[in-house]
N, C-alpha and C. Protein backbone atom coordinates (compact mmCIF):
# COMPACT_ATOMS: atom_id res chain seq x y z
N MET A 1 24.93 -34.91 -72.25
CA MET A 1 26.26 -34.90 -71.66
C MET A 1 26.22 -35.56 -70.29
N PRO A 2 27.04 -36.60 -70.08
CA PRO A 2 26.99 -37.32 -68.81
C PRO A 2 27.56 -36.48 -67.67
N LYS A 3 27.00 -36.68 -66.49
CA LYS A 3 27.50 -36.00 -65.30
C LYS A 3 28.79 -36.66 -64.83
N ILE A 4 29.62 -35.88 -64.19
CA ILE A 4 30.84 -36.40 -63.59
C ILE A 4 30.71 -36.29 -62.08
N TYR A 5 31.04 -37.36 -61.39
CA TYR A 5 31.01 -37.40 -59.94
C TYR A 5 32.44 -37.57 -59.44
N TYR A 6 32.73 -36.92 -58.35
CA TYR A 6 34.07 -36.93 -57.77
C TYR A 6 34.03 -37.57 -56.38
N VAL A 7 34.93 -38.51 -56.16
CA VAL A 7 35.19 -39.03 -54.82
C VAL A 7 36.51 -38.36 -54.43
N TYR A 8 36.53 -37.69 -53.31
CA TYR A 8 37.70 -36.88 -52.98
C TYR A 8 38.16 -37.08 -51.54
N ILE A 9 39.44 -36.77 -51.32
CA ILE A 9 40.00 -36.82 -49.98
C ILE A 9 40.59 -35.45 -49.67
N LEU A 10 40.21 -34.92 -48.53
CA LEU A 10 40.76 -33.67 -48.02
C LEU A 10 41.67 -33.98 -46.84
N ALA A 11 42.64 -33.10 -46.59
CA ALA A 11 43.52 -33.26 -45.44
C ALA A 11 43.66 -31.91 -44.73
N SER A 12 43.87 -31.96 -43.42
CA SER A 12 44.09 -30.74 -42.65
C SER A 12 45.51 -30.24 -42.88
N GLN A 13 46.43 -31.15 -43.09
CA GLN A 13 47.84 -30.87 -43.35
C GLN A 13 48.44 -32.17 -43.85
N ARG A 14 49.70 -32.17 -44.20
CA ARG A 14 50.36 -33.39 -44.65
C ARG A 14 50.30 -34.42 -43.53
N ASN A 15 49.80 -35.62 -43.84
CA ASN A 15 49.62 -36.71 -42.87
C ASN A 15 48.69 -36.34 -41.72
N GLY A 16 47.83 -35.33 -41.94
CA GLY A 16 46.91 -34.88 -40.90
C GLY A 16 45.58 -35.61 -40.94
N THR A 17 44.58 -34.97 -40.39
CA THR A 17 43.23 -35.52 -40.36
C THR A 17 42.67 -35.56 -41.79
N LEU A 18 42.00 -36.67 -42.14
CA LEU A 18 41.47 -36.87 -43.48
C LEU A 18 39.94 -36.83 -43.48
N TYR A 19 39.39 -36.44 -44.62
CA TYR A 19 37.95 -36.45 -44.84
C TYR A 19 37.70 -36.98 -46.24
N ILE A 20 36.72 -37.86 -46.40
CA ILE A 20 36.38 -38.43 -47.70
C ILE A 20 34.95 -38.05 -48.02
N GLY A 21 34.73 -37.57 -49.26
CA GLY A 21 33.39 -37.17 -49.67
C GLY A 21 33.12 -37.42 -51.15
N VAL A 22 31.90 -37.10 -51.57
CA VAL A 22 31.45 -37.25 -52.96
C VAL A 22 30.73 -35.97 -53.36
N THR A 23 30.93 -35.56 -54.60
CA THR A 23 30.22 -34.39 -55.12
C THR A 23 30.12 -34.49 -56.64
N ASN A 24 29.21 -33.70 -57.21
CA ASN A 24 29.13 -33.61 -58.67
C ASN A 24 29.68 -32.27 -59.16
N ASN A 25 30.18 -31.44 -58.22
CA ASN A 25 30.77 -30.15 -58.56
C ASN A 25 31.93 -29.90 -57.60
N LEU A 26 33.11 -30.32 -58.01
CA LEU A 26 34.26 -30.26 -57.11
C LEU A 26 34.66 -28.83 -56.76
N GLU A 27 34.63 -27.93 -57.73
CA GLU A 27 35.00 -26.54 -57.44
C GLU A 27 34.08 -25.91 -56.40
N ARG A 28 32.78 -26.08 -56.59
CA ARG A 28 31.81 -25.53 -55.63
C ARG A 28 32.00 -26.14 -54.25
N ARG A 29 32.16 -27.46 -54.22
CA ARG A 29 32.28 -28.15 -52.94
C ARG A 29 33.56 -27.74 -52.21
N MET A 30 34.65 -27.58 -52.95
CA MET A 30 35.89 -27.14 -52.32
C MET A 30 35.74 -25.72 -51.77
N SER A 31 35.05 -24.88 -52.49
CA SER A 31 34.81 -23.52 -52.02
C SER A 31 34.02 -23.55 -50.71
N GLU A 32 33.02 -24.43 -50.64
CA GLU A 32 32.22 -24.56 -49.42
C GLU A 32 33.09 -25.03 -48.25
N HIS A 33 33.95 -26.02 -48.50
CA HIS A 33 34.84 -26.50 -47.43
C HIS A 33 35.79 -25.39 -46.98
N GLN A 34 36.40 -24.70 -47.94
CA GLN A 34 37.39 -23.69 -47.61
C GLN A 34 36.79 -22.49 -46.90
N GLN A 35 35.56 -22.15 -47.21
CA GLN A 35 34.89 -21.01 -46.57
C GLN A 35 34.20 -21.40 -45.27
N GLY A 36 34.16 -22.70 -44.97
CA GLY A 36 33.52 -23.16 -43.74
C GLY A 36 32.03 -22.89 -43.73
N ILE A 37 31.39 -23.00 -44.91
CA ILE A 37 29.96 -22.68 -45.03
C ILE A 37 29.10 -23.60 -44.17
N ALA A 38 29.39 -24.89 -44.20
CA ALA A 38 28.57 -25.83 -43.44
C ALA A 38 29.28 -26.23 -42.16
N ASP A 39 28.55 -26.22 -41.05
CA ASP A 39 29.11 -26.70 -39.80
C ASP A 39 29.31 -28.21 -39.93
N GLY A 40 30.35 -28.71 -39.34
CA GLY A 40 30.59 -30.15 -39.39
C GLY A 40 32.05 -30.48 -39.21
N PHE A 41 32.38 -31.71 -39.55
CA PHE A 41 33.72 -32.26 -39.33
C PHE A 41 34.82 -31.44 -39.98
N THR A 42 34.66 -31.08 -41.25
CA THR A 42 35.73 -30.36 -41.95
C THR A 42 35.93 -28.96 -41.39
N LYS A 43 34.87 -28.32 -40.98
CA LYS A 43 34.99 -26.98 -40.38
C LYS A 43 35.64 -27.07 -39.00
N LYS A 44 35.19 -28.02 -38.20
CA LYS A 44 35.69 -28.18 -36.83
C LYS A 44 37.19 -28.46 -36.81
N TYR A 45 37.66 -29.30 -37.76
CA TYR A 45 39.06 -29.73 -37.75
C TYR A 45 39.91 -29.05 -38.84
N HIS A 46 39.37 -28.01 -39.47
CA HIS A 46 40.10 -27.22 -40.48
C HIS A 46 40.66 -28.10 -41.60
N ILE A 47 39.79 -28.93 -42.15
CA ILE A 47 40.18 -29.85 -43.22
C ILE A 47 39.70 -29.26 -44.54
N HIS A 48 40.61 -28.67 -45.32
CA HIS A 48 40.16 -28.05 -46.56
C HIS A 48 41.19 -28.11 -47.69
N HIS A 49 42.17 -29.01 -47.59
CA HIS A 49 43.15 -29.18 -48.66
C HIS A 49 42.81 -30.42 -49.48
N LEU A 50 42.56 -30.25 -50.76
CA LEU A 50 42.26 -31.37 -51.64
C LEU A 50 43.56 -32.10 -51.98
N VAL A 51 43.68 -33.36 -51.56
CA VAL A 51 44.92 -34.11 -51.80
C VAL A 51 44.72 -35.30 -52.74
N TYR A 52 43.47 -35.66 -53.03
CA TYR A 52 43.21 -36.80 -53.90
C TYR A 52 41.78 -36.72 -54.42
N TYR A 53 41.59 -37.14 -55.67
CA TYR A 53 40.23 -37.33 -56.18
C TYR A 53 40.21 -38.31 -57.32
N GLU A 54 39.04 -38.92 -57.51
CA GLU A 54 38.76 -39.83 -58.62
C GLU A 54 37.48 -39.35 -59.27
N THR A 55 37.27 -39.71 -60.53
CA THR A 55 36.03 -39.36 -61.22
C THR A 55 35.33 -40.60 -61.75
N THR A 56 34.02 -40.48 -61.89
CA THR A 56 33.20 -41.52 -62.49
C THR A 56 31.94 -40.87 -63.05
N ASN A 57 31.29 -41.53 -63.97
CA ASN A 57 30.01 -41.05 -64.52
C ASN A 57 28.82 -41.68 -63.81
N ASP A 58 29.07 -42.55 -62.85
CA ASP A 58 28.02 -43.31 -62.18
C ASP A 58 27.94 -42.93 -60.70
N ILE A 59 26.85 -42.30 -60.30
CA ILE A 59 26.70 -41.86 -58.91
C ILE A 59 26.76 -43.04 -57.95
N ASN A 60 26.18 -44.17 -58.33
CA ASN A 60 26.21 -45.34 -57.44
C ASN A 60 27.64 -45.85 -57.25
N ALA A 61 28.42 -45.83 -58.31
CA ALA A 61 29.83 -46.23 -58.20
C ALA A 61 30.58 -45.25 -57.30
N ALA A 62 30.29 -43.97 -57.42
CA ALA A 62 30.94 -42.96 -56.59
C ALA A 62 30.61 -43.18 -55.12
N LEU A 63 29.35 -43.40 -54.82
CA LEU A 63 28.93 -43.62 -53.43
C LEU A 63 29.53 -44.90 -52.86
N GLN A 64 29.60 -45.94 -53.69
CA GLN A 64 30.18 -47.20 -53.25
C GLN A 64 31.68 -47.03 -52.98
N ARG A 65 32.37 -46.30 -53.86
CA ARG A 65 33.80 -46.06 -53.67
C ARG A 65 34.06 -45.23 -52.41
N GLU A 66 33.21 -44.23 -52.16
CA GLU A 66 33.33 -43.44 -50.95
C GLU A 66 33.24 -44.34 -49.71
N LYS A 67 32.24 -45.21 -49.68
CA LYS A 67 32.07 -46.12 -48.54
C LYS A 67 33.28 -47.04 -48.39
N GLN A 68 33.78 -47.52 -49.54
CA GLN A 68 34.95 -48.41 -49.51
C GLN A 68 36.15 -47.70 -48.90
N LEU A 69 36.43 -46.48 -49.38
CA LEU A 69 37.58 -45.74 -48.88
C LEU A 69 37.44 -45.41 -47.40
N LYS A 70 36.24 -45.10 -46.95
CA LYS A 70 36.03 -44.77 -45.55
C LYS A 70 36.32 -45.97 -44.64
N LYS A 71 36.15 -47.19 -45.18
CA LYS A 71 36.42 -48.40 -44.39
C LYS A 71 37.90 -48.77 -44.38
N TRP A 72 38.67 -48.22 -45.30
CA TRP A 72 40.11 -48.52 -45.35
C TRP A 72 40.81 -48.04 -44.10
N ASN A 73 41.89 -48.74 -43.75
CA ASN A 73 42.69 -48.23 -42.63
C ASN A 73 43.51 -47.03 -43.10
N ARG A 74 44.00 -46.29 -42.14
CA ARG A 74 44.71 -45.04 -42.43
C ARG A 74 45.93 -45.27 -43.33
N LYS A 75 46.66 -46.33 -43.10
CA LYS A 75 47.86 -46.63 -43.88
C LYS A 75 47.52 -46.76 -45.37
N TRP A 76 46.43 -47.43 -45.68
CA TRP A 76 46.02 -47.60 -47.08
C TRP A 76 45.62 -46.26 -47.70
N LYS A 77 44.92 -45.42 -46.93
CA LYS A 77 44.50 -44.11 -47.43
C LYS A 77 45.72 -43.24 -47.73
N LEU A 78 46.68 -43.24 -46.82
CA LEU A 78 47.90 -42.45 -47.03
C LEU A 78 48.66 -42.95 -48.25
N ALA A 79 48.73 -44.26 -48.44
CA ALA A 79 49.41 -44.83 -49.61
C ALA A 79 48.70 -44.43 -50.90
N LEU A 80 47.38 -44.41 -50.89
CA LEU A 80 46.61 -43.99 -52.06
C LEU A 80 46.92 -42.54 -52.42
N ILE A 81 46.95 -41.68 -51.43
CA ILE A 81 47.27 -40.26 -51.66
C ILE A 81 48.69 -40.14 -52.20
N GLU A 82 49.63 -40.78 -51.55
CA GLU A 82 51.04 -40.62 -51.92
C GLU A 82 51.37 -41.22 -53.28
N LYS A 83 50.59 -42.20 -53.72
CA LYS A 83 50.83 -42.79 -55.05
C LYS A 83 50.62 -41.76 -56.16
N SER A 84 49.57 -40.96 -56.04
CA SER A 84 49.27 -39.98 -57.10
C SER A 84 49.69 -38.55 -56.73
N ASN A 85 49.96 -38.30 -55.45
CA ASN A 85 50.30 -36.95 -55.00
C ASN A 85 51.40 -37.04 -53.92
N PRO A 86 52.60 -37.50 -54.31
CA PRO A 86 53.65 -37.74 -53.31
C PRO A 86 54.11 -36.49 -52.55
N ASP A 87 53.93 -35.32 -53.13
CA ASP A 87 54.32 -34.09 -52.46
C ASP A 87 53.19 -33.49 -51.63
N TRP A 88 52.06 -34.16 -51.60
CA TRP A 88 50.89 -33.69 -50.86
C TRP A 88 50.53 -32.27 -51.26
N LYS A 89 50.51 -32.01 -52.56
CA LYS A 89 50.09 -30.68 -53.02
C LYS A 89 48.59 -30.55 -52.85
N ASP A 90 48.17 -29.35 -52.51
CA ASP A 90 46.74 -29.04 -52.50
C ASP A 90 46.35 -28.94 -53.97
N LEU A 91 45.54 -29.85 -54.44
CA LEU A 91 45.22 -29.94 -55.86
C LEU A 91 44.37 -28.78 -56.35
N ILE A 92 43.86 -27.97 -55.45
CA ILE A 92 43.14 -26.76 -55.82
C ILE A 92 44.11 -25.60 -56.00
N THR A 93 45.05 -25.42 -55.07
CA THR A 93 45.97 -24.29 -55.15
C THR A 93 47.32 -24.66 -55.76
N GLY A 94 47.70 -25.95 -55.70
CA GLY A 94 48.97 -26.39 -56.26
C GLY A 94 50.15 -26.28 -55.31
N PHE A 95 49.92 -25.82 -54.08
CA PHE A 95 51.02 -25.67 -53.13
C PHE A 95 51.14 -26.92 -52.26
N PRO A 96 52.38 -27.34 -51.95
CA PRO A 96 52.56 -28.46 -51.03
C PRO A 96 52.07 -28.10 -49.63
N LEU A 97 51.53 -29.09 -48.93
CA LEU A 97 51.07 -28.88 -47.56
C LEU A 97 52.25 -28.95 -46.60
N SER A 98 52.19 -28.19 -45.55
CA SER A 98 53.27 -28.20 -44.56
C SER A 98 53.14 -29.40 -43.65
N ARG A 99 54.18 -29.66 -42.92
CA ARG A 99 54.21 -30.76 -41.95
C ARG A 99 54.03 -30.20 -40.54
N GLU A 100 53.04 -29.38 -40.32
CA GLU A 100 52.82 -28.71 -39.03
C GLU A 100 52.76 -29.66 -37.88
């Protein structure tokens, strides 16, 4: 059975601070972000709402896509999110993010 890799974007709030990452277990990784298990950028800036993700069976493709997205300007990242998630719902909980 092939592994699935996820390239994902988290947001602190609607149009807030963004974080891009890669994982092979999205549920576990989201739990880690939400619980603030690891010190770092997402914990410091309270970034734990899943607003976008893609899947692939190729880890190298996932890592390359992550690097590509990180180089994009903010406008392109926001457009990517809004194309598939126009209401900015947290894809883990299903609730729309506020405009704090």
